[in-house]
Amino acid sequence: YWLRFNEAGSTTISGTPINELTISLNEGWNLVSGLSEDISIYSVSDPDSIIIPGTLYGFNEGYLETDLFVPGKGYWLRANNSGNIILTSE
């Protein structure tokens, strides 16, 4: 998801905390989100090694490479094949 506002501000998005998430990726670029806590891309379970290293991008006035999923943010992630990855908070 991406949200665009006409001016700066803040809003509250509430719900049930998510501590584990299985994400189905397609080959190529995928729009994904994280958990209810920060999680490093290096702690993601990728059993089939489908994540292409260095391809997690966030957005802040432009795309920027990152290695951290932050709650409430969306990210582009590239996979070399279809499959599942698992995000788990520690």
C-alpha atoms as a PDB file:
ATOM      1  CA  TYR A   1       0.000   0.000   0.000  1.00  0.00           C
ATOM      2  CA  TRP A   2       1.028   3.575  -0.565  1.00  0.00           C
ATOM      3  CA  LEU A   3      -0.719   6.643   0.829  1.00  0.00           C
ATOM      4  CA  ARG A   4      -0.285  10.135  -0.527  1.00  0.00           C
ATOM      5  CA  PHE A   5      -1.456  13.258   1.252  1.00  0.00           C
ATOM      6  CA  ASN A   6      -1.685  16.822  -0.044  1.00  0.00           C
ATOM      7  CA  GLU A   7       0.126  18.163   3.023  1.00  0.00           C
ATOM      8  CA  ALA A   8       2.252  16.960   5.931  1.00  0.00           C
ATOM      9  CA  GLY A   9       0.458  15.485   8.911  1.00  0.00           C
ATOM     10  CA  SER A  10      -0.106  12.291  10.809  1.00  0.00           C
ATOM     11  CA  THR A  11      -2.818   9.728  11.290  1.00  0.00           C
ATOM     12  CA  THR A  12      -3.303   6.738  13.549  1.00  0.00           C
ATOM     13  CA  ILE A  13      -3.682   3.293  12.040  1.00  0.00           C
ATOM     14  CA  SER A  14      -4.676   0.707  14.626  1.00  0.00           C
ATOM     15  CA  GLY A  15      -5.141  -3.034  14.645  1.00  0.00           C
ATOM     16  CA  THR A  16      -3.872  -6.294  16.082  1.00  0.00           C
ATOM     17  CA  PRO A  17      -0.070  -6.626  16.389  1.00  0.00           C
ATOM     18  CA  ILE A  18       1.486  -8.962  13.812  1.00  0.00           C
ATOM     19  CA  ASN A  19       4.480 -10.968  15.068  1.00  0.00           C
ATOM     20  CA  GLU A  20       4.799 -13.432  12.184  1.00  0.00           C
ATOM     21  CA  LEU A  21       3.926 -13.094   8.530  1.00  0.00           C
ATOM     22  CA  THR A  22       4.342 -15.402   5.540  1.00  0.00           C
ATOM     23  CA  ILE A  23       4.579 -13.397   2.318  1.00  0.00           C
ATOM     24  CA  SER A  24       4.115 -14.969  -1.112  1.00  0.00           C
ATOM     25  CA  LEU A  25       6.470 -13.347  -3.602  1.00  0.00           C
ATOM     26  CA  ASN A  26       6.283 -13.437  -7.377  1.00  0.00           C
ATOM     27  CA  GLU A  27       9.368 -13.408  -9.574  1.00  0.00           C
ATOM     28  CA  GLY A  28      10.350  -9.756 -10.069  1.00  0.00           C
ATOM     29  CA  TRP A  29       9.361  -6.758  -7.967  1.00  0.00           C
ATOM     30  CA  ASN A  30       6.894  -7.130  -5.072  1.00  0.00           C
ATOM     31  CA  LEU A  31       5.238  -4.500  -2.876  1.00  0.00           C
ATOM     32  CA  VAL A  32       5.481  -5.715   0.733  1.00  0.00           C
ATOM     33  CA  SER A  33       5.197  -4.523   4.316  1.00  0.00           C
ATOM     34  CA  GLY A  34       6.656  -5.679   7.612  1.00  0.00           C
ATOM     35  CA  LEU A  35       5.501  -6.599  11.100  1.00  0.00           C
ATOM     36  CA  SER A  36       4.440  -4.606  14.147  1.00  0.00           C
ATOM     37  CA  GLU A  37       8.114  -4.217  15.133  1.00  0.00           C
ATOM     38  CA  ASP A  38      11.238  -3.283  13.184  1.00  0.00           C
ATOM     39  CA  ILE A  39      12.800  -6.305  11.479  1.00  0.00           C
ATOM     40  CA  SER A  40      16.050  -6.619   9.545  1.00  0.00           C
ATOM     41  CA  ILE A  41      16.004  -8.087   6.037  1.00  0.00           C
ATOM     42  CA  TYR A  42      18.844 -10.325   7.283  1.00  0.00           C
ATOM     43  CA  SER A  43      16.537 -12.033   9.808  1.00  0.00           C
ATOM     44  CA  VAL A  44      13.899 -12.922   7.193  1.00  0.00           C
ATOM     45  CA  SER A  45      13.498 -16.663   6.617  1.00  0.00           C
ATOM     46  CA  ASP A  46      14.073 -17.243   2.899  1.00  0.00           C
ATOM     47  CA  PRO A  47      14.215 -21.058   2.558  1.00  0.00           C
ATOM     48  CA  ASP A  48      14.503 -21.057  -1.248  1.00  0.00           C
ATOM     49  CA  SER A  49      16.930 -18.080  -1.422  1.00  0.00           C
ATOM     50  CA  ILE A  50      14.589 -16.092  -3.686  1.00  0.00           C
ATOM     51  CA  ILE A  51      15.354 -12.618  -2.299  1.00  0.00           C
ATOM     52  CA  ILE A  52      17.859 -10.793  -4.492  1.00  0.00           C
ATOM     53  CA  PRO A  53      20.354  -9.133  -2.092  1.00  0.00           C
ATOM     54  CA  GLY A  54      20.324  -5.327  -2.035  1.00  0.00           C
ATOM     55  CA  THR A  55      16.821  -4.984  -3.498  1.00  0.00           C
ATOM     56  CA  LEU A  56      14.740  -3.798  -0.515  1.00  0.00           C
ATOM     57  CA  TYR A  57      13.657  -0.216  -1.245  1.00  0.00           C
ATOM     58  CA  GLY A  58      11.602   2.204   0.821  1.00  0.00           C
ATOM     59  CA  PHE A  59      10.337   5.626  -0.172  1.00  0.00           C
ATOM     60  CA  ASN A  60      11.024   9.050   1.347  1.00  0.00           C
ATOM     61  CA  GLU A  61      10.872  11.791  -1.308  1.00  0.00           C
ATOM     62  CA  GLY A  62      12.433   9.156  -3.578  1.00  0.00           C
ATOM     63  CA  TYR A  63      13.380   5.483  -3.454  1.00  0.00           C
ATOM     64  CA  LEU A  64      16.178   4.451  -1.108  1.00  0.00           C
ATOM     65  CA  GLU A  65      17.802   1.122  -0.423  1.00  0.00           C
ATOM     66  CA  THR A  66      17.298  -0.134   3.118  1.00  0.00           C
ATOM     67  CA  ASP A  67      17.816  -3.274   5.168  1.00  0.00           C
ATOM     68  CA  LEU A  68      15.077  -2.628   7.743  1.00  0.00           C
ATOM     69  CA  PHE A  69      11.314  -3.150   7.619  1.00  0.00           C
ATOM     70  CA  VAL A  70       9.636  -0.445   9.751  1.00  0.00           C
ATOM     71  CA  PRO A  71       6.009  -0.841  10.900  1.00  0.00           C
ATOM     72  CA  GLY A  72       3.507   1.045   8.760  1.00  0.00           C
ATOM     73  CA  LYS A  73       5.856   1.452   5.797  1.00  0.00           C
ATOM     74  CA  GLY A  74       5.698  -0.177   2.364  1.00  0.00           C
ATOM     75  CA  TYR A  75       8.697  -1.563   0.472  1.00  0.00           C
ATOM     76  CA  TRP A  76       9.663  -2.869  -2.937  1.00  0.00           C
ATOM     77  CA  LEU A  77      11.491  -6.213  -2.789  1.00  0.00           C
ATOM     78  CA  ARG A  78      12.821  -8.182  -5.767  1.00  0.00           C
ATOM     79  CA  ALA A  79      12.732 -11.977  -6.014  1.00  0.00           C
ATOM     80  CA  ASN A  80      14.521 -14.218  -8.517  1.00  0.00           C
ATOM     81  CA  ASN A  81      11.681 -16.756  -8.406  1.00  0.00           C
ATOM     82  CA  SER A  82       8.211 -17.223  -6.920  1.00  0.00           C
ATOM     83  CA  GLY A  83       7.974 -18.539  -3.361  1.00  0.00           C
ATOM     84  CA  ASN A  84       7.382 -17.671   0.280  1.00  0.00           C
ATOM     85  CA  ILE A  85       9.415 -15.756   2.826  1.00  0.00           C
ATOM     86  CA  ILE A  86       8.657 -15.586   6.556  1.00  0.00           C
ATOM     87  CA  LEU A  87       9.064 -12.532   8.773  1.00  0.00           C
ATOM     88  CA  THR A  88       9.162 -13.203  12.530  1.00  0.00           C
ATOM     89  CA  SER A  89       9.770 -10.763  15.368  1.00  0.00           C
ATOM     90  CA  GLU A  90      12.200 -11.938  18.024  1.00  0.00           C
END
